[in-house]
Amino acid sequence: MTGRSPQPATIEACPNGPLLVRGDVELVDADGKPIERHRRTVALCRCGTSAIAPFCDGSHKAIGFVTPS
């Protein structure tokens, strides 16, 4: 993701859904290895049922995931 000016990092918690990560952040796995990003904005799973973890696949809708108030 080069060839553009740096973008500030933001994380938005979607109600009953994923975390939306925007901007220049490096995602790493539990071993500290970089996770490749294919988009400027990525949705990270919070419900724990995504088949493409750590990214969201919409599974939260099927299981009725609800975030605490």
Protein backbone atom coordinates (compact mmCIF):
# COMPACT_ATOMS: atom_id res chain seq x y z
CA MET A 1 0.00 0.00 0.00
CA THR A 2 2.45 2.56 -1.22
CA GLY A 3 2.34 5.56 -3.52
CA ARG A 4 0.04 7.66 -1.36
CA SER A 5 0.39 10.01 1.56
CA PRO A 6 0.22 8.53 5.09
CA GLN A 7 -3.25 8.24 6.55
CA PRO A 8 -4.00 8.46 10.29
CA ALA A 9 -5.11 5.20 11.85
CA THR A 10 -8.67 4.87 13.14
CA ILE A 11 -10.60 1.95 14.60
CA GLU A 12 -14.38 2.05 14.65
CA ALA A 13 -16.42 -0.50 16.60
CA CYS A 14 -19.58 -1.20 14.60
CA PRO A 15 -22.61 -1.93 16.78
CA ASN A 16 -23.16 -5.72 16.79
CA GLY A 17 -20.48 -6.11 14.13
CA PRO A 18 -16.80 -5.91 13.29
CA LEU A 19 -14.03 -3.45 14.03
CA LEU A 20 -13.35 -1.25 11.01
CA VAL A 21 -9.66 -0.40 10.74
CA ARG A 22 -8.67 2.48 8.48
CA GLY A 23 -5.37 4.17 7.80
CA ASP A 24 -1.77 3.18 8.10
CA VAL A 25 -1.58 0.34 10.59
CA GLU A 26 0.29 -2.92 10.43
CA LEU A 27 -1.75 -6.01 11.27
CA VAL A 28 0.21 -8.90 12.79
CA ASP A 29 -0.78 -12.40 13.88
CA ALA A 30 -0.20 -13.97 17.30
CA ASP A 31 3.40 -14.76 16.30
CA GLY A 32 4.08 -11.18 15.22
CA LYS A 33 4.05 -12.02 11.50
CA PRO A 34 2.50 -9.37 9.26
CA ILE A 35 -0.98 -10.05 7.88
CA GLU A 36 -1.34 -8.79 4.33
CA ARG A 37 -4.01 -6.16 3.72
CA HIS A 38 -5.67 -5.94 0.34
CA ARG A 39 -7.80 -2.89 1.12
CA ARG A 40 -7.34 0.47 2.81
CA THR A 41 -10.23 -0.32 5.17
CA VAL A 42 -10.50 -3.77 6.73
CA ALA A 43 -13.18 -5.28 8.95
CA LEU A 44 -11.88 -7.41 11.81
CA CYS A 45 -14.05 -10.09 13.41
CA ARG A 46 -15.28 -9.59 16.98
CA CYS A 47 -17.70 -12.50 17.23
CA GLY A 48 -15.13 -15.29 16.86
CA THR A 49 -16.97 -17.26 14.16
CA SER A 50 -15.49 -15.86 10.94
CA ALA A 51 -14.17 -18.46 8.50
CA ILE A 52 -11.62 -15.91 7.27
CA ALA A 53 -10.35 -14.70 10.64
CA PRO A 54 -9.03 -12.25 11.59
CA PHE A 55 -11.24 -10.62 8.96
CA CYS A 56 -15.03 -10.41 9.21
CA ASP A 57 -17.13 -12.57 6.88
CA GLY A 58 -20.55 -11.49 8.17
CA SER A 59 -21.01 -14.51 10.47
CA HIS A 60 -22.01 -12.18 13.32
CA LYS A 61 -25.38 -11.68 11.61
CA ALA A 62 -26.11 -15.42 11.41
CA ILE A 63 -25.33 -16.06 15.08
CA GLY A 64 -27.05 -12.95 16.42
CA PHE A 65 -23.86 -11.42 17.84
CA VAL A 66 -24.64 -8.50 20.16
CA THR A 67 -22.05 -6.15 21.59
CA PRO A 68 -22.32 -5.02 25.20
CA SER A 69 -23.95 -1.63 25.75
